[in-house]
């Protein structure tokens, strides 16, 4: 495999951590760009793993000022090629809870409608 990959290892204390795997066939280390709503975001570091060749530690501190109600997505990509290497999606707040509750209510209503239609079908066809 001759592609650069960024693999998430964990998210802890607001810091997304991953490993950047750069195969020998790749001559230059990619410059990783983090974007939010198509705007660049600072706060990431890249450091070489001293024990494994071609592996780099990537860390991104999620800016607290960008955390809001709803969904936020941070995209990690190669600045030169535009290749998306990974992403982080965070969901938070009351808006999300209301969305889930309204979606659940809609599903219940549809299920009730299907149950009524099925019962009516059973009565009309004489099935029990």
C-alpha atoms as a PDB file:
ATOM      1  CA  UNK A   1       0.000   0.000   0.000  1.00  0.00           C
ATOM      2  CA  UNK A   2       1.496   3.297  -1.123  1.00  0.00           C
ATOM      3  CA  UNK A   3      -1.007   5.649   0.479  1.00  0.00           C
ATOM      4  CA  UNK A   4      -0.577   7.875   3.473  1.00  0.00           C
ATOM      5  CA  UNK A   5      -3.104   7.003   6.201  1.00  0.00           C
ATOM      6  CA  UNK A   6      -4.131   8.748   9.405  1.00  0.00           C
ATOM      7  CA  UNK A   7      -5.541   6.334  11.970  1.00  0.00           C
ATOM      8  CA  UNK A   8      -7.308   7.545  15.107  1.00  0.00           C
ATOM      9  CA  UNK A   9      -5.922   6.108  18.317  1.00  0.00           C
ATOM     10  CA  UNK A  10      -8.037   8.004  20.858  1.00  0.00           C
ATOM     11  CA  UNK A  11      -9.853  11.177  21.873  1.00  0.00           C
ATOM     12  CA  UNK A  12      -9.021  12.214  25.422  1.00  0.00           C
ATOM     13  CA  UNK A  13      -9.353  15.499  27.297  1.00  0.00           C
ATOM     14  CA  UNK A  14     -10.296  17.309  24.100  1.00  0.00           C
ATOM     15  CA  UNK A  15      -7.281  16.065  22.168  1.00  0.00           C
ATOM     16  CA  UNK A  16      -7.730  13.871  19.092  1.00  0.00           C
ATOM     17  CA  UNK A  17      -4.734  11.583  18.696  1.00  0.00           C
ATOM     18  CA  UNK A  18      -3.766   9.475  15.732  1.00  0.00           C
ATOM     19  CA  UNK A  19      -0.922   7.873  13.865  1.00  0.00           C
ATOM     20  CA  UNK A  20       0.144   9.057  10.446  1.00  0.00           C
ATOM     21  CA  UNK A  21       1.522   6.127   8.460  1.00  0.00           C
ATOM     22  CA  UNK A  22       3.800   7.183   5.600  1.00  0.00           C
ATOM     23  CA  UNK A  23       4.984   4.345   3.320  1.00  0.00           C
ATOM     24  CA  UNK A  24       8.581   4.277   2.054  1.00  0.00           C
ATOM     25  CA  UNK A  25       7.356   4.954  -1.487  1.00  0.00           C
ATOM     26  CA  UNK A  26       6.129   8.399  -0.409  1.00  0.00           C
ATOM     27  CA  UNK A  27       9.006  10.880  -0.721  1.00  0.00           C
ATOM     28  CA  UNK A  28       7.630  13.841   1.222  1.00  0.00           C
ATOM     29  CA  UNK A  29       5.786  14.038   4.492  1.00  0.00           C
ATOM     30  CA  UNK A  30       2.283  15.435   3.906  1.00  0.00           C
ATOM     31  CA  UNK A  31       1.318  18.694   5.518  1.00  0.00           C
ATOM     32  CA  UNK A  32      -1.886  17.976   7.396  1.00  0.00           C
ATOM     33  CA  UNK A  33      -4.513  20.680   7.370  1.00  0.00           C
ATOM     34  CA  UNK A  34      -7.405  20.699   9.843  1.00  0.00           C
ATOM     35  CA  UNK A  35     -10.548  22.493   8.708  1.00  0.00           C
ATOM     36  CA  UNK A  36     -13.891  23.317  10.286  1.00  0.00           C
ATOM     37  CA  UNK A  37     -16.629  24.706   8.017  1.00  0.00           C
ATOM     38  CA  UNK A  38     -13.974  24.892   5.274  1.00  0.00           C
ATOM     39  CA  UNK A  39     -11.816  27.206   7.414  1.00  0.00           C
ATOM     40  CA  UNK A  40      -8.342  26.214   8.659  1.00  0.00           C
ATOM     41  CA  UNK A  41      -8.039  25.465  12.371  1.00  0.00           C
ATOM     42  CA  UNK A  42      -4.780  25.661  14.317  1.00  0.00           C
ATOM     43  CA  UNK A  43      -3.758  23.512  17.257  1.00  0.00           C
ATOM     44  CA  UNK A  44      -2.226  20.368  15.812  1.00  0.00           C
ATOM     45  CA  UNK A  45       1.210  18.833  16.085  1.00  0.00           C
ATOM     46  CA  UNK A  46       3.098  16.088  14.278  1.00  0.00           C
ATOM     47  CA  UNK A  47       6.046  14.255  15.802  1.00  0.00           C
ATOM     48  CA  UNK A  48       8.001  11.255  14.593  1.00  0.00           C
ATOM     49  CA  UNK A  49       7.691   7.926  16.408  1.00  0.00           C
ATOM     50  CA  UNK A  50      11.287   7.102  17.397  1.00  0.00           C
ATOM     51  CA  UNK A  51      10.536   3.371  17.526  1.00  0.00           C
ATOM     52  CA  UNK A  52       8.737   2.866  14.185  1.00  0.00           C
ATOM     53  CA  UNK A  53       9.927   4.063  10.807  1.00  0.00           C
ATOM     54  CA  UNK A  54       7.310   5.842   8.731  1.00  0.00           C
ATOM     55  CA  UNK A  55       4.983   6.453  11.688  1.00  0.00           C
ATOM     56  CA  UNK A  56       4.242   9.917  13.059  1.00  0.00           C
ATOM     57  CA  UNK A  57       2.124  10.948  16.047  1.00  0.00           C
ATOM     58  CA  UNK A  58      -0.590  13.469  15.191  1.00  0.00           C
ATOM     59  CA  UNK A  59      -2.361  15.445  17.918  1.00  0.00           C
ATOM     60  CA  UNK A  60      -5.180  17.945  17.496  1.00  0.00           C
ATOM     61  CA  UNK A  61      -6.478  20.016  20.414  1.00  0.00           C
ATOM     62  CA  UNK A  62     -10.161  20.704  19.735  1.00  0.00           C
ATOM     63  CA  UNK A  63     -10.703  24.460  20.260  1.00  0.00           C
ATOM     64  CA  UNK A  64     -13.346  24.940  22.955  1.00  0.00           C
ATOM     65  CA  UNK A  65     -14.663  28.046  21.199  1.00  0.00           C
ATOM     66  CA  UNK A  66     -15.784  25.841  18.294  1.00  0.00           C
ATOM     67  CA  UNK A  67     -17.880  23.521  20.470  1.00  0.00           C
ATOM     68  CA  UNK A  68     -21.556  24.447  20.192  1.00  0.00           C
ATOM     69  CA  UNK A  69     -24.992  22.880  20.222  1.00  0.00           C
ATOM     70  CA  UNK A  70     -25.490  20.574  17.269  1.00  0.00           C
ATOM     71  CA  UNK A  71     -22.892  18.821  15.180  1.00  0.00           C
ATOM     72  CA  UNK A  72     -19.347  19.959  14.416  1.00  0.00           C
ATOM     73  CA  UNK A  73     -17.035  18.182  11.976  1.00  0.00           C
ATOM     74  CA  UNK A  74     -13.293  18.691  11.749  1.00  0.00           C
ATOM     75  CA  UNK A  75     -11.619  17.339   8.610  1.00  0.00           C
ATOM     76  CA  UNK A  76      -7.982  16.247   8.501  1.00  0.00           C
ATOM     77  CA  UNK A  77      -6.570  16.373   4.967  1.00  0.00           C
ATOM     78  CA  UNK A  78      -3.346  16.569   3.004  1.00  0.00           C
ATOM     79  CA  UNK A  79      -2.930  20.268   2.195  1.00  0.00           C
ATOM     80  CA  UNK A  80      -1.233  19.596  -1.168  1.00  0.00           C
ATOM     81  CA  UNK A  81      -3.481  16.876  -2.592  1.00  0.00           C
ATOM     82  CA  UNK A  82      -6.706  17.635  -0.755  1.00  0.00           C
ATOM     83  CA  UNK A  83      -7.014  13.937   0.180  1.00  0.00           C
ATOM     84  CA  UNK A  84      -9.148  13.514   3.284  1.00  0.00           C
ATOM     85  CA  UNK A  85      -7.160  11.453   5.768  1.00  0.00           C
ATOM     86  CA  UNK A  86      -9.684  11.309   8.615  1.00  0.00           C
ATOM     87  CA  UNK A  87     -12.277  13.399  10.430  1.00  0.00           C
ATOM     88  CA  UNK A  88     -13.745  14.089  13.848  1.00  0.00           C
ATOM     89  CA  UNK A  89     -17.459  14.658  14.353  1.00  0.00           C
ATOM     90  CA  UNK A  90     -18.780  15.902  17.680  1.00  0.00           C
ATOM     91  CA  UNK A  91     -22.452  16.164  18.650  1.00  0.00           C
ATOM     92  CA  UNK A  92     -23.586  18.138  21.665  1.00  0.00           C
ATOM     93  CA  UNK A  93     -26.310  20.124  23.316  1.00  0.00           C
ATOM     94  CA  UNK A  94     -30.054  20.298  23.759  1.00  0.00           C
ATOM     95  CA  UNK A  95     -30.695  20.761  20.050  1.00  0.00           C
ATOM     96  CA  UNK A  96     -29.405  17.263  19.432  1.00  0.00           C
ATOM     97  CA  UNK A  97     -31.570  15.761  22.164  1.00  0.00           C
ATOM     98  CA  UNK A  98     -34.659  17.461  20.713  1.00  0.00           C
ATOM     99  CA  UNK A  99     -33.803  16.174  17.237  1.00  0.00           C
ATOM    100  CA  UNK A 100     -33.531  12.625  18.532  1.00  0.00           C
ATOM    101  CA  UNK A 101     -36.785  12.894  20.511  1.00  0.00           C
ATOM    102  CA  UNK A 102     -38.708  14.276  17.529  1.00  0.00           C
ATOM    103  CA  UNK A 103     -37.261  11.571  15.269  1.00  0.00           C
ATOM    104  CA  UNK A 104     -38.269   8.910  17.812  1.00  0.00           C
ATOM    105  CA  UNK A 105     -41.784  10.371  18.019  1.00  0.00           C
ATOM    106  CA  UNK A 106     -42.088  10.252  14.228  1.00  0.00           C
ATOM    107  CA  UNK A 107     -40.948   6.619  14.192  1.00  0.00           C
ATOM    108  CA  UNK A 108     -43.553   5.723  16.848  1.00  0.00           C
ATOM    109  CA  UNK A 109     -46.296   7.385  14.814  1.00  0.00           C
ATOM    110  CA  UNK A 110     -45.255   5.486  11.683  1.00  0.00           C
ATOM    111  CA  UNK A 111     -45.133   2.195  13.607  1.00  0.00           C
ATOM    112  CA  UNK A 112     -48.636   2.808  14.995  1.00  0.00           C
ATOM    113  CA  UNK A 113     -49.881   3.526  11.472  1.00  0.00           C
ATOM    114  CA  UNK A 114     -48.339   0.284  10.186  1.00  0.00           C
ATOM    115  CA  UNK A 115     -49.860  -1.713  13.065  1.00  0.00           C
ATOM    116  CA  UNK A 116     -53.329  -0.310  12.288  1.00  0.00           C
ATOM    117  CA  UNK A 117     -52.927  -1.083   8.576  1.00  0.00           C
ATOM    118  CA  UNK A 118     -51.751  -4.616   9.330  1.00  0.00           C
ATOM    119  CA  UNK A 119     -54.655  -5.269  11.702  1.00  0.00           C
ATOM    120  CA  UNK A 120     -57.109  -3.917   9.120  1.00  0.00           C
ATOM    121  CA  UNK A 121     -55.532  -6.173   6.481  1.00  0.00           C
ATOM    122  CA  UNK A 122     -55.865  -9.198   8.777  1.00  0.00           C
ATOM    123  CA  UNK A 123     -59.558  -8.452   9.425  1.00  0.00           C
ATOM    124  CA  UNK A 124     -60.311  -7.909   5.722  1.00  0.00           C
ATOM    125  CA  UNK A 125     -58.593 -11.124   4.621  1.00  0.00           C
ATOM    126  CA  UNK A 126     -59.797 -13.219   7.552  1.00  0.00           C
ATOM    127  CA  UNK A 127     -56.213 -13.954   8.726  1.00  0.00           C
ATOM    128  CA  UNK A 128     -55.507 -14.343  12.418  1.00  0.00           C
END
